[in-house]
């Protein structure tokens, strides 16, 4: 049997500002202001770039402080490269699942969309569980962020990424609920696309983090 299609649902109160979907797109300076699609896309790219700049500052702080162990353990003593590789596998696979969900959404295929989003959530939650286990084991051994400047920068950088993943999982649930209630309206598609860009950006940041912090840390 063919997969059930995603359909627009009735929205008598026009929640979510859907009225702009019926307006033709205009180019700025010709027939009026830019369309909402262009404004939302531009604004979200500005947000992503500012977020990457913030991560760059945390990377720079870690690069300066990674050798300041205050006589305590270094990354070579603390990091479990196997656990970090499992985290990487979970996050990379979740990005693939997110891409499949986007394909299903644009094809109006409900089964692929919900399956992809469910897989993204499960793999993202597994990534967070592995990261929290690593944090807990280090703190339980007396190697918390107050132990040295190196550990302070490590917990700040990796914890910042983990906080973004946590926010992304909440965002994912919100998007699934909106598609379920309102269907694949144009404004909903924009929001899901923004979530997808955010999730892919976290994947790129993690690849840099895994390389700089874990791979270089165990070889130092």
N, C-alpha and C. Protein backbone atom coordinates (compact mmCIF):
# COMPACT_ATOMS: atom_id res chain seq x y z
N UNK A 1 0.84 -1.20 0.00
CA UNK A 1 0.00 0.00 0.00
C UNK A 1 0.88 1.25 0.00
N UNK A 2 0.47 2.29 -0.73
CA UNK A 2 1.28 3.52 -0.74
C UNK A 2 1.27 4.20 0.61
N UNK A 3 2.34 4.94 0.91
CA UNK A 3 2.43 5.65 2.17
C UNK A 3 1.39 6.75 2.24
N UNK A 4 0.79 6.98 3.43
CA UNK A 4 -0.23 8.02 3.56
C UNK A 4 0.36 9.39 3.34
N UNK A 5 -0.33 10.25 2.57
CA UNK A 5 0.22 11.59 2.32
C UNK A 5 -0.07 12.53 3.47
N UNK A 6 0.79 13.53 3.60
CA UNK A 6 0.53 14.61 4.54
C UNK A 6 -0.45 15.58 3.90
N UNK A 7 -1.48 15.95 4.64
CA UNK A 7 -2.50 16.84 4.10
C UNK A 7 -2.60 18.09 4.97
N UNK A 8 -3.04 19.14 4.35
CA UNK A 8 -3.32 20.36 5.10
C UNK A 8 -4.54 20.12 5.98
N UNK A 9 -4.48 20.53 7.22
CA UNK A 9 -5.61 20.41 8.13
C UNK A 9 -6.31 21.74 8.26
N UNK A 10 -7.59 21.64 8.61
CA UNK A 10 -8.38 22.86 8.77
C UNK A 10 -7.81 23.70 9.90
N UNK A 11 -7.72 24.97 9.68
CA UNK A 11 -7.19 25.90 10.67
C UNK A 11 -8.09 27.15 10.67
N UNK A 12 -9.30 27.04 11.24
CA UNK A 12 -10.26 28.14 11.12
C UNK A 12 -9.80 29.43 11.75
N UNK A 13 -8.93 29.34 12.77
CA UNK A 13 -8.47 30.55 13.44
C UNK A 13 -7.18 31.11 12.84
N UNK A 14 -6.67 30.41 11.78
CA UNK A 14 -5.48 30.87 11.06
C UNK A 14 -4.32 31.12 12.01
N UNK A 15 -4.10 30.12 12.88
CA UNK A 15 -2.98 30.20 13.81
C UNK A 15 -1.67 30.04 13.04
N UNK A 16 -0.63 30.67 13.53
CA UNK A 16 0.69 30.52 12.93
C UNK A 16 0.94 31.47 11.79
N UNK A 17 0.08 32.52 11.63
CA UNK A 17 0.30 33.56 10.62
C UNK A 17 0.37 32.94 9.22
N UNK A 18 -0.63 32.16 8.85
CA UNK A 18 -0.62 31.51 7.54
C UNK A 18 -1.16 32.39 6.44
N UNK A 19 -1.64 33.58 6.79
CA UNK A 19 -2.27 34.41 5.78
C UNK A 19 -1.29 34.86 4.70
N UNK A 20 0.00 34.94 5.05
CA UNK A 20 0.97 35.40 4.08
C UNK A 20 1.24 34.39 2.98
N UNK A 21 0.80 33.11 3.19
CA UNK A 21 1.06 32.08 2.21
C UNK A 21 0.30 32.32 0.91
N UNK A 22 -0.77 33.08 0.97
CA UNK A 22 -1.56 33.32 -0.23
C UNK A 22 -1.13 34.59 -0.95
N UNK A 23 -0.17 35.31 -0.40
CA UNK A 23 0.30 36.51 -1.03
C UNK A 23 1.45 36.20 -1.98
N UNK A 24 1.48 36.81 -3.15
CA UNK A 24 2.60 36.54 -4.08
C UNK A 24 3.89 37.11 -3.55
N UNK A 25 4.99 36.41 -3.85
CA UNK A 25 6.30 36.88 -3.43
C UNK A 25 6.67 38.12 -4.23
N UNK A 26 7.27 39.09 -3.56
CA UNK A 26 7.69 40.31 -4.22
C UNK A 26 9.15 40.55 -3.93
N UNK A 27 9.81 41.25 -4.80
CA UNK A 27 11.20 41.59 -4.62
C UNK A 27 11.30 42.98 -4.01
N UNK A 28 12.19 43.15 -3.07
CA UNK A 28 12.35 44.42 -2.39
C UNK A 28 12.77 45.51 -3.38
N UNK A 29 12.11 46.65 -3.31
CA UNK A 29 12.45 47.76 -4.17
C UNK A 29 11.73 47.77 -5.49
N UNK A 30 10.95 46.73 -5.83
CA UNK A 30 10.24 46.69 -7.09
C UNK A 30 8.73 46.86 -6.88
N UNK A 31 8.13 45.92 -6.19
CA UNK A 31 6.69 45.99 -5.98
C UNK A 31 6.30 45.99 -4.51
N UNK A 32 7.27 46.15 -3.63
CA UNK A 32 6.95 46.16 -2.22
C UNK A 32 8.03 45.49 -1.42
N UNK A 33 7.79 45.23 -0.14
CA UNK A 33 8.79 44.59 0.71
C UNK A 33 9.02 43.14 0.32
N UNK A 34 10.13 42.60 0.77
CA UNK A 34 10.45 41.20 0.48
C UNK A 34 9.44 40.28 1.12
N UNK A 35 9.29 39.09 0.54
CA UNK A 35 8.34 38.11 1.07
C UNK A 35 8.81 37.59 2.42
N UNK A 36 7.87 37.01 3.15
CA UNK A 36 8.21 36.48 4.47
C UNK A 36 9.19 35.33 4.37
N UNK A 37 9.10 34.55 3.29
CA UNK A 37 10.04 33.45 3.10
C UNK A 37 11.47 33.95 3.04
N UNK A 38 11.70 35.03 2.32
CA UNK A 38 13.04 35.59 2.19
C UNK A 38 13.51 36.19 3.52
N UNK A 39 12.61 36.90 4.20
CA UNK A 39 12.98 37.53 5.47
C UNK A 39 13.33 36.48 6.51
N UNK A 40 12.51 35.42 6.62
CA UNK A 40 12.77 34.36 7.59
C UNK A 40 14.08 33.65 7.27
N UNK A 41 14.30 33.33 5.99
CA UNK A 41 15.54 32.66 5.61
C UNK A 41 16.77 33.49 5.91
N UNK A 42 16.70 34.77 5.56
CA UNK A 42 17.85 35.66 5.82
C UNK A 42 18.10 35.79 7.32
N UNK A 43 17.04 36.01 8.09
CA UNK A 43 17.20 36.16 9.54
C UNK A 43 17.76 34.91 10.19
N UNK A 44 17.34 33.74 9.71
CA UNK A 44 17.84 32.51 10.33
C UNK A 44 19.30 32.27 10.00
N UNK A 45 19.72 32.63 8.77
CA UNK A 45 21.14 32.49 8.44
C UNK A 45 21.98 33.43 9.29
N UNK A 46 21.47 34.62 9.58
CA UNK A 46 22.18 35.54 10.47
C UNK A 46 22.32 34.92 11.86
N UNK A 47 21.25 34.29 12.34
CA UNK A 47 21.31 33.61 13.64
C UNK A 47 22.36 32.50 13.64
N UNK A 48 22.37 31.68 12.59
CA UNK A 48 23.34 30.58 12.53
C UNK A 48 24.78 31.10 12.51
N UNK A 49 25.02 32.15 11.74
CA UNK A 49 26.37 32.70 11.68
C UNK A 49 26.79 33.27 13.03
N UNK A 50 25.88 33.94 13.73
CA UNK A 50 26.22 34.47 15.05
C UNK A 50 26.49 33.34 16.04
N UNK A 51 25.75 32.23 15.89
CA UNK A 51 25.97 31.07 16.76
C UNK A 51 27.34 30.45 16.48
N UNK A 52 27.73 30.37 15.22
CA UNK A 52 29.03 29.82 14.87
C UNK A 52 30.15 30.71 15.40
N UNK A 53 29.93 32.03 15.37
CA UNK A 53 30.93 32.95 15.93
C UNK A 53 31.10 32.70 17.43
N UNK A 54 29.98 32.45 18.12
CA UNK A 54 30.07 32.14 19.54
C UNK A 54 30.85 30.85 19.78
N UNK A 55 30.58 29.82 18.98
CA UNK A 55 31.34 28.58 19.11
C UNK A 55 32.82 28.82 18.81
N UNK A 56 33.12 29.68 17.84
CA UNK A 56 34.51 29.97 17.51
C UNK A 56 35.24 30.58 18.70
N UNK A 57 34.54 31.44 19.46
CA UNK A 57 35.14 32.03 20.65
C UNK A 57 35.44 30.96 21.70
N UNK A 58 34.54 30.01 21.86
CA UNK A 58 34.77 28.93 22.84
C UNK A 58 35.90 28.01 22.36
N UNK A 59 35.98 27.77 21.06
CA UNK A 59 37.09 26.98 20.52
C UNK A 59 38.42 27.70 20.77
N UNK A 60 38.43 29.01 20.59
CA UNK A 60 39.66 29.76 20.82
C UNK A 60 40.08 29.69 22.29
N UNK A 61 39.09 29.80 23.20
CA UNK A 61 39.41 29.70 24.63
C UNK A 61 39.98 28.32 24.97
N UNK A 62 39.40 27.28 24.37
CA UNK A 62 39.92 25.93 24.63
C UNK A 62 41.33 25.78 24.09
N UNK A 63 41.59 26.35 22.90
CA UNK A 63 42.93 26.24 22.31
C UNK A 63 43.98 26.90 23.19
N UNK A 64 43.60 27.98 23.86
CA UNK A 64 44.54 28.68 24.75
C UNK A 64 44.73 27.92 26.06
N UNK A 65 43.68 27.30 26.57
CA UNK A 65 43.71 26.74 27.92
C UNK A 65 43.89 25.23 27.97
N UNK A 66 43.96 24.55 26.83
CA UNK A 66 43.98 23.09 26.90
C UNK A 66 45.23 22.54 27.57
N UNK A 67 46.31 23.33 27.64
CA UNK A 67 47.52 22.87 28.32
C UNK A 67 47.61 23.30 29.76
N UNK A 68 46.66 24.06 30.24
CA UNK A 68 46.68 24.56 31.63
C UNK A 68 45.98 23.56 32.55
N UNK A 69 46.65 22.48 32.84
CA UNK A 69 46.04 21.42 33.63
C UNK A 69 46.25 21.59 35.13
N UNK A 70 47.08 22.55 35.55
CA UNK A 70 47.36 22.80 36.98
C UNK A 70 47.84 21.53 37.69
N UNK A 71 48.65 20.75 36.99
CA UNK A 71 49.16 19.51 37.57
C UNK A 71 48.17 18.37 37.58
N UNK A 72 46.97 18.58 37.03
CA UNK A 72 45.96 17.54 37.00
C UNK A 72 46.00 16.74 35.71
N UNK A 73 44.99 15.93 35.48
CA UNK A 73 44.97 15.08 34.28
C UNK A 73 44.74 15.91 33.02
N UNK A 74 45.26 15.41 31.93
CA UNK A 74 45.07 16.04 30.63
C UNK A 74 44.04 15.24 29.84
N UNK A 75 43.79 15.68 28.61
CA UNK A 75 42.84 14.96 27.78
C UNK A 75 43.29 13.55 27.49
N UNK A 76 44.59 13.34 27.39
CA UNK A 76 45.11 12.00 27.15
C UNK A 76 44.76 11.04 28.28
N UNK A 77 44.65 11.59 29.49
CA UNK A 77 44.31 10.76 30.65
C UNK A 77 42.81 10.55 30.82
N UNK A 78 42.01 11.48 30.30
CA UNK A 78 40.58 11.48 30.61
C UNK A 78 39.69 11.00 29.48
N UNK A 79 40.04 11.32 28.24
CA UNK A 79 39.12 11.11 27.14
C UNK A 79 39.03 9.64 26.74
N UNK A 80 37.81 9.19 26.55
CA UNK A 80 37.54 7.84 26.05
C UNK A 80 37.16 7.99 24.57
N UNK A 81 38.09 7.71 23.70
CA UNK A 81 37.86 7.94 22.28
C UNK A 81 36.76 7.04 21.74
N UNK A 82 36.56 5.87 22.34
CA UNK A 82 35.49 4.97 21.88
C UNK A 82 34.12 5.59 22.14
N UNK A 83 33.95 6.13 23.35
CA UNK A 83 32.68 6.79 23.67
C UNK A 83 32.45 8.00 22.78
N UNK A 84 33.50 8.77 22.55
CA UNK A 84 33.36 9.95 21.68
C UNK A 84 33.02 9.53 20.25
N UNK A 85 33.58 8.41 19.78
CA UNK A 85 33.26 7.93 18.45
C UNK A 85 31.80 7.48 18.36
N UNK A 86 31.29 6.85 19.44
CA UNK A 86 29.88 6.47 19.47
C UNK A 86 28.98 7.71 19.43
N UNK A 87 29.35 8.74 20.16
CA UNK A 87 28.59 9.99 20.12
C UNK A 87 28.58 10.55 18.70
N UNK A 88 29.74 10.52 18.05
CA UNK A 88 29.82 11.03 16.68
C UNK A 88 28.94 10.23 15.74
N UNK A 89 28.95 8.91 15.88
CA UNK A 89 28.11 8.07 15.04
C UNK A 89 26.63 8.36 15.23
N UNK A 90 26.23 8.56 16.49
CA UNK A 90 24.82 8.87 16.76
C UNK A 90 24.41 10.19 16.12
N UNK A 91 25.26 11.20 16.24
CA UNK A 91 24.89 12.52 15.72
C UNK A 91 24.90 12.53 14.19
N UNK A 92 25.89 11.88 13.58
CA UNK A 92 25.93 11.84 12.11
C UNK A 92 24.73 11.08 11.55
N UNK A 93 24.37 9.98 12.20
CA UNK A 93 23.22 9.21 11.73
C UNK A 93 21.92 9.98 11.94
N UNK A 94 21.84 10.74 13.03
CA UNK A 94 20.63 11.54 13.25
C UNK A 94 20.48 12.61 12.18
N UNK A 95 21.59 13.14 11.68
CA UNK A 95 21.52 14.13 10.60
C UNK A 95 21.00 13.49 9.32
N UNK A 96 21.42 12.26 9.04
CA UNK A 96 20.90 11.53 7.89
C UNK A 96 19.40 11.31 8.04
N UNK A 97 18.97 10.91 9.23
CA UNK A 97 17.54 10.71 9.47
C UNK A 97 16.75 12.00 9.31
N UNK A 98 17.34 13.11 9.75
CA UNK A 98 16.68 14.41 9.59
C UNK A 98 16.52 14.75 8.11
N UNK A 99 17.54 14.46 7.31
CA UNK A 99 17.44 14.69 5.88
C UNK A 99 16.34 13.85 5.24
N UNK A 100 16.21 12.59 5.65
CA UNK A 100 15.14 11.74 5.13
C UNK A 100 13.77 12.28 5.53
N UNK A 101 13.67 12.81 6.74
CA UNK A 101 12.40 13.40 7.18
C UNK A 101 12.03 14.60 6.32
N UNK A 102 13.02 15.42 5.95
CA UNK A 102 12.74 16.58 5.10
C UNK A 102 12.29 16.14 3.71
N UNK A 103 12.92 15.09 3.18
CA UNK A 103 12.49 14.57 1.88
C UNK A 103 11.05 14.08 1.96
N UNK A 104 10.72 13.36 3.04
CA UNK A 104 9.36 12.89 3.21
C UNK A 104 8.36 14.02 3.34
N UNK A 105 8.75 15.09 4.02
CA UNK A 105 7.84 16.21 4.20
C UNK A 105 7.55 16.89 2.86
N UNK A 106 8.59 17.13 2.07
CA UNK A 106 8.38 17.79 0.78
C UNK A 106 7.63 16.89 -0.20
N UNK A 107 7.75 15.56 -0.02
CA UNK A 107 7.01 14.62 -0.86
C UNK A 107 5.62 14.35 -0.31
N UNK A 108 5.27 15.00 0.81
CA UNK A 108 3.97 14.80 1.48
C UNK A 108 3.78 13.34 1.87
N UNK A 109 4.86 12.71 2.30
CA UNK A 109 4.85 11.31 2.71
C UNK A 109 4.93 11.28 4.24
N UNK A 110 3.81 11.04 4.89
CA UNK A 110 3.74 11.11 6.35
C UNK A 110 4.61 10.06 7.01
N UNK A 111 4.63 8.86 6.43
CA UNK A 111 5.37 7.77 7.07
C UNK A 111 6.85 8.09 7.14
N UNK A 112 7.45 8.55 6.04
CA UNK A 112 8.87 8.87 6.03
C UNK A 112 9.18 10.06 6.94
N UNK A 113 8.29 11.05 6.94
CA UNK A 113 8.55 12.22 7.76
C UNK A 113 8.58 11.86 9.25
N UNK A 114 7.55 11.18 9.72
CA UNK A 114 7.49 10.87 11.15
C UNK A 114 8.55 9.85 11.55
N UNK A 115 8.84 8.90 10.67
CA UNK A 115 9.91 7.94 10.97
C UNK A 115 11.26 8.65 11.06
N UNK A 116 11.53 9.55 10.11
CA UNK A 116 12.80 10.27 10.14
C UNK A 116 12.95 11.14 11.37
N UNK A 117 11.88 11.83 11.74
CA UNK A 117 11.96 12.69 12.92
C UNK A 117 12.09 11.87 14.20
N UNK A 118 11.41 10.72 14.26
CA UNK A 118 11.54 9.86 15.44
C UNK A 118 12.96 9.33 15.56
N UNK A 119 13.55 8.92 14.44
CA UNK A 119 14.93 8.43 14.47
C UNK A 119 15.90 9.55 14.85
N UNK A 120 15.64 10.75 14.36
CA UNK A 120 16.49 11.89 14.73
C UNK A 120 16.44 12.13 16.23
N UNK A 121 15.24 12.07 16.80
CA UNK A 121 15.10 12.32 18.24
C UNK A 121 15.80 11.23 19.06
N UNK A 122 15.60 9.98 18.69
CA UNK A 122 16.19 8.87 19.46
C UNK A 122 17.72 8.94 19.41
N UNK A 123 18.27 9.18 18.22
CA UNK A 123 19.73 9.25 18.09
C UNK A 123 20.30 10.48 18.79
N UNK A 124 19.58 11.61 18.71
CA UNK A 124 20.03 12.80 19.43
C UNK A 124 19.99 12.60 20.94
N UNK A 125 18.95 11.92 21.43
CA UNK A 125 18.87 11.62 22.86
C UNK A 125 19.98 10.66 23.29
N UNK A 126 20.32 9.69 22.43
CA UNK A 126 21.42 8.78 22.74
C UNK A 126 22.75 9.53 22.81
N UNK A 127 22.94 10.48 21.90
CA UNK A 127 24.14 11.32 21.94
C UNK A 127 24.23 12.06 23.27
N UNK A 128 23.14 12.66 23.71
CA UNK A 128 23.14 13.39 24.97
C UNK A 128 23.40 12.45 26.15
N UNK A 129 22.82 11.25 26.12
CA UNK A 129 23.02 10.30 27.22
C UNK A 129 24.50 9.92 27.34
N UNK A 130 25.16 9.67 26.21
CA UNK A 130 26.58 9.33 26.24
C UNK A 130 27.41 10.51 26.75
N UNK A 131 27.05 11.71 26.35
CA UNK A 131 27.79 12.88 26.79
C UNK A 131 27.61 13.12 28.29
N UNK A 132 26.39 12.96 28.79
CA UNK A 132 26.14 13.14 30.22
C UNK A 132 26.86 12.07 31.03
N UNK A 133 26.91 10.85 30.50
CA UNK A 133 27.64 9.79 31.21
C UNK A 133 29.12 10.14 31.31
N UNK A 134 29.68 10.69 30.24
CA UNK A 134 31.08 11.09 30.27
C UNK A 134 31.30 12.19 31.30
N UNK A 135 30.43 13.20 31.31
CA UNK A 135 30.55 14.28 32.28
C UNK A 135 30.45 13.74 33.71
N UNK A 136 29.49 12.87 33.93
CA UNK A 136 29.27 12.36 35.29
C UNK A 136 30.47 11.55 35.78
N UNK A 137 31.04 10.73 34.90
CA UNK A 137 32.19 9.92 35.32
C UNK A 137 33.39 10.81 35.62
N UNK A 138 33.59 11.88 34.87
CA UNK A 138 34.71 12.77 35.13
C UNK A 138 34.51 13.54 36.43
N UNK A 139 33.30 14.03 36.67
CA UNK A 139 33.03 14.78 37.90
C UNK A 139 33.11 13.87 39.12
N UNK A 140 32.61 12.63 38.98
CA UNK A 140 32.67 11.69 40.10
C UNK A 140 34.10 11.35 40.48
N UNK A 141 35.02 11.41 39.52
CA UNK A 141 36.43 11.13 39.80
C UNK A 141 37.19 12.37 40.27
N UNK A 142 36.48 13.47 40.49
CA UNK A 142 37.13 14.68 40.97
C UNK A 142 37.70 15.55 39.88
N UNK A 143 37.29 15.31 38.64
CA UNK A 143 37.81 16.07 37.52
C UNK A 143 36.71 16.94 36.91
N UNK A 144 36.10 17.75 37.75
CA UNK A 144 35.06 18.65 37.29
C UNK A 144 35.62 19.92 36.69
N UNK A 145 34.75 20.84 36.30
CA UNK A 145 35.23 22.07 35.65
C UNK A 145 36.08 22.96 36.55
N UNK A 146 35.96 22.80 37.88
CA UNK A 146 36.77 23.61 38.79
C UNK A 146 38.17 23.04 39.02
N UNK A 147 38.47 21.89 38.45
CA UNK A 147 39.77 21.24 38.69
C UNK A 147 40.91 22.00 38.05
N UNK A 148 40.71 22.52 36.84
CA UNK A 148 41.77 23.24 36.13
C UNK A 148 41.15 24.09 35.04
N UNK A 149 41.96 25.00 34.49
CA UNK A 149 41.49 25.82 33.38
C UNK A 149 41.19 24.95 32.16
N UNK A 150 41.97 23.91 31.95
CA UNK A 150 41.71 22.99 30.85
C UNK A 150 40.33 22.37 30.95
N UNK A 151 39.97 21.87 32.13
CA UNK A 151 38.68 21.24 32.30
C UNK A 151 37.54 22.26 32.26
N UNK A 152 37.80 23.48 32.73
CA UNK A 152 36.77 24.52 32.62
C UNK A 152 36.44 24.78 31.16
N UNK A 153 37.47 24.92 30.32
CA UNK A 153 37.23 25.18 28.90
C UNK A 153 36.60 23.97 28.21
N UNK A 154 36.99 22.77 28.64
CA UNK A 154 36.41 21.56 28.05
C UNK A 154 34.92 21.47 28.34
N UNK A 155 34.55 21.61 29.62
CA UNK A 155 33.14 21.51 29.98
C UNK A 155 32.33 22.64 29.34
N UNK A 156 32.92 23.82 29.22
CA UNK A 156 32.20 24.94 28.62
C UNK A 156 31.93 24.68 27.14
N UNK A 157 32.93 24.23 26.40
CA UNK A 157 32.78 24.01 24.97
C UNK A 157 31.85 22.83 24.68
N UNK A 158 32.12 21.69 25.27
CA UNK A 158 31.30 20.51 25.00
C UNK A 158 29.90 20.69 25.58
N UNK A 159 29.81 21.32 26.76
CA UNK A 159 28.50 21.56 27.35
C UNK A 159 27.65 22.53 26.55
N UNK A 160 28.30 23.52 25.91
CA UNK A 160 27.56 24.45 25.06
C UNK A 160 26.94 23.70 23.88
N UNK A 161 27.71 22.82 23.28
CA UNK A 161 27.15 22.03 22.17
C UNK A 161 26.02 21.13 22.66
N UNK A 162 26.20 20.52 23.83
CA UNK A 162 25.15 19.67 24.37
C UNK A 162 23.87 20.45 24.66
N UNK A 163 24.01 21.69 25.13
CA UNK A 163 22.83 22.53 25.38
C UNK A 163 22.10 22.83 24.07
N UNK A 164 22.86 23.03 23.00
CA UNK A 164 22.23 23.26 21.69
C UNK A 164 21.48 22.01 21.22
N UNK A 165 22.06 20.84 21.43
CA UNK A 165 21.39 19.60 21.04
C UNK A 165 20.09 19.43 21.85
N UNK A 166 20.13 19.75 23.14
CA UNK A 166 18.92 19.65 23.97
C UNK A 166 17.83 20.59 23.44
N UNK A 167 18.22 21.83 23.12
CA UNK A 167 17.24 22.77 22.55
C UNK A 167 16.72 22.27 21.21
N UNK A 168 17.60 21.65 20.41
CA UNK A 168 17.17 21.11 19.12
C UNK A 168 16.15 19.99 19.27
N UNK A 169 16.30 19.15 20.29
CA UNK A 169 15.34 18.07 20.50
C UNK A 169 13.97 18.63 20.89
N UNK A 170 13.94 19.66 21.72
CA UNK A 170 12.66 20.29 22.06
C UNK A 170 12.04 20.94 20.82
N UNK A 171 12.87 21.56 20.01
CA UNK A 171 12.39 22.17 18.77
C UNK A 171 11.82 21.10 17.84
N UNK A 172 12.49 19.95 17.76
CA UNK A 172 12.01 18.85 16.92
C UNK A 172 10.60 18.42 17.33
N UNK A 173 10.39 18.24 18.63
CA UNK A 173 9.06 17.83 19.10
C UNK A 173 8.01 18.87 18.75
N UNK A 174 8.38 20.14 18.85
CA UNK A 174 7.45 21.21 18.50
C UNK A 174 7.08 21.16 17.02
N UNK A 175 8.06 20.92 16.16
CA UNK A 175 7.79 20.87 14.73
C UNK A 175 6.91 19.68 14.36
N UNK A 176 7.18 18.53 14.97
CA UNK A 176 6.35 17.36 14.70
C UNK A 176 4.90 17.63 15.12
N UNK A 177 4.72 18.27 16.27
CA UNK A 177 3.36 18.58 16.74
C UNK A 177 2.67 19.55 15.78
N UNK A 178 3.40 20.54 15.26
CA UNK A 178 2.78 21.50 14.35
C UNK A 178 2.40 20.85 13.02
N UNK A 179 3.25 19.98 12.49
CA UNK A 179 2.91 19.28 11.26
C UNK A 179 1.71 18.37 11.48
N UNK A 180 1.66 17.72 12.64
CA UNK A 180 0.55 16.82 12.94
C UNK A 180 -0.77 17.58 13.04
N UNK A 181 -0.75 18.75 13.65
CA UNK A 181 -1.99 19.50 13.88
C UNK A 181 -2.40 20.32 12.65
N UNK A 182 -1.42 20.98 12.00
CA UNK A 182 -1.75 21.94 10.95
C UNK A 182 -1.43 21.47 9.55
N UNK A 183 -0.67 20.38 9.42
CA UNK A 183 -0.32 19.91 8.10
C UNK A 183 0.85 20.68 7.50
N UNK A 184 1.28 20.32 6.30
CA UNK A 184 2.47 20.93 5.68
C UNK A 184 2.16 22.27 5.01
N UNK A 185 1.70 23.24 5.78
CA UNK A 185 1.50 24.58 5.24
C UNK A 185 2.84 25.22 4.93
N UNK A 186 2.80 26.29 4.15
CA UNK A 186 4.05 26.93 3.75
C UNK A 186 4.83 27.47 4.95
N UNK A 187 4.13 28.06 5.93
CA UNK A 187 4.84 28.59 7.10
C UNK A 187 5.41 27.47 7.95
N UNK A 188 4.72 26.33 8.01
CA UNK A 188 5.25 25.18 8.76
C UNK A 188 6.48 24.62 8.06
N UNK A 189 6.45 24.56 6.74
CA UNK A 189 7.61 24.08 5.99
C UNK A 189 8.83 24.95 6.25
N UNK A 190 8.63 26.27 6.33
CA UNK A 190 9.75 27.16 6.63
C UNK A 190 10.34 26.85 7.99
N UNK A 191 9.49 26.62 8.97
CA UNK A 191 9.98 26.35 10.33
C UNK A 191 10.75 25.03 10.40
N UNK A 192 10.22 24.00 9.73
CA UNK A 192 10.92 22.71 9.73
C UNK A 192 12.25 22.83 9.00
N UNK A 193 12.29 23.61 7.92
CA UNK A 193 13.54 23.82 7.21
C UNK A 193 14.57 24.52 8.10
N UNK A 194 14.13 25.51 8.88
CA UNK A 194 15.05 26.18 9.81
C UNK A 194 15.58 25.19 10.84
N UNK A 195 14.72 24.32 11.34
CA UNK A 195 15.20 23.29 12.29
C UNK A 195 16.24 22.40 11.63
N UNK A 196 15.99 22.00 10.39
CA UNK A 196 16.93 21.12 9.71
C UNK A 196 18.29 21.80 9.54
N UNK A 197 18.30 23.08 9.17
CA UNK A 197 19.56 23.80 9.05
C UNK A 197 20.28 23.87 10.39
N UNK A 198 19.53 24.11 11.46
CA UNK A 198 20.12 24.17 12.80
C UNK A 198 20.76 22.83 13.17
N UNK A 199 20.06 21.75 12.89
CA UNK A 199 20.57 20.42 13.26
C UNK A 199 21.83 20.08 12.46
N UNK A 200 21.84 20.41 11.17
CA UNK A 200 23.03 20.17 10.36
C UNK A 200 24.21 21.02 10.84
N UNK A 201 23.93 22.25 11.27
CA UNK A 201 25.01 23.10 11.79
C UNK A 201 25.62 22.50 13.05
N UNK A 202 24.79 21.92 13.92
CA UNK A 202 25.32 21.26 15.11
C UNK A 202 26.21 20.09 14.74
N UNK A 203 25.87 19.39 13.68
CA UNK A 203 26.68 18.28 13.21
C UNK A 203 28.06 18.77 12.77
N UNK A 204 28.09 19.88 12.02
CA UNK A 204 29.36 20.44 11.56
C UNK A 204 30.23 20.88 12.74
N UNK A 205 29.60 21.54 13.72
CA UNK A 205 30.34 21.99 14.90
C UNK A 205 30.91 20.79 15.64
N UNK A 206 30.13 19.72 15.76
CA UNK A 206 30.62 18.55 16.49
C UNK A 206 31.81 17.90 15.80
N UNK A 207 31.82 17.87 14.47
CA UNK A 207 32.96 17.30 13.75
C UNK A 207 34.24 18.07 14.11
N UNK A 208 34.14 19.40 14.14
CA UNK A 208 35.29 20.19 14.56
C UNK A 208 35.65 19.94 16.00
N UNK A 209 34.64 19.80 16.85
CA UNK A 209 34.89 19.57 18.28
C UNK A 209 35.53 18.20 18.50
N UNK A 210 35.02 17.19 17.82
CA UNK A 210 35.57 15.84 17.96
C UNK A 210 37.04 15.81 17.52
N UNK A 211 37.35 16.54 16.45
CA UNK A 211 38.72 16.55 15.94
C UNK A 211 39.66 17.31 16.87
N UNK A 212 39.26 18.53 17.26
CA UNK A 212 40.14 19.39 18.05
C UNK A 212 40.27 18.92 19.49
N UNK A 213 39.14 18.53 20.09
CA UNK A 213 39.16 18.20 21.51
C UNK A 213 39.58 16.75 21.74
N UNK A 214 38.91 15.81 21.08
CA UNK A 214 39.13 14.41 21.40
C UNK A 214 40.31 13.81 20.66
N UNK A 215 40.31 13.90 19.32
CA UNK A 215 41.39 13.27 18.56
C UNK A 215 42.75 13.90 18.87
N UNK A 216 42.80 15.23 18.88
CA UNK A 216 44.06 15.90 19.20
C UNK A 216 44.37 15.78 20.68
N UNK A 217 43.34 15.66 21.52
CA UNK A 217 43.56 15.56 22.96
C UNK A 217 44.21 14.26 23.36
N UNK A 218 43.79 13.15 22.76
CA UNK A 218 44.37 11.86 23.14
C UNK A 218 45.77 11.67 22.57
N UNK A 219 46.13 12.46 21.57
CA UNK A 219 47.45 12.36 20.96
C UNK A 219 48.44 13.36 21.51
N UNK A 220 47.96 14.27 22.35
CA UNK A 220 48.86 15.32 22.88
C UNK A 220 49.88 14.69 23.81
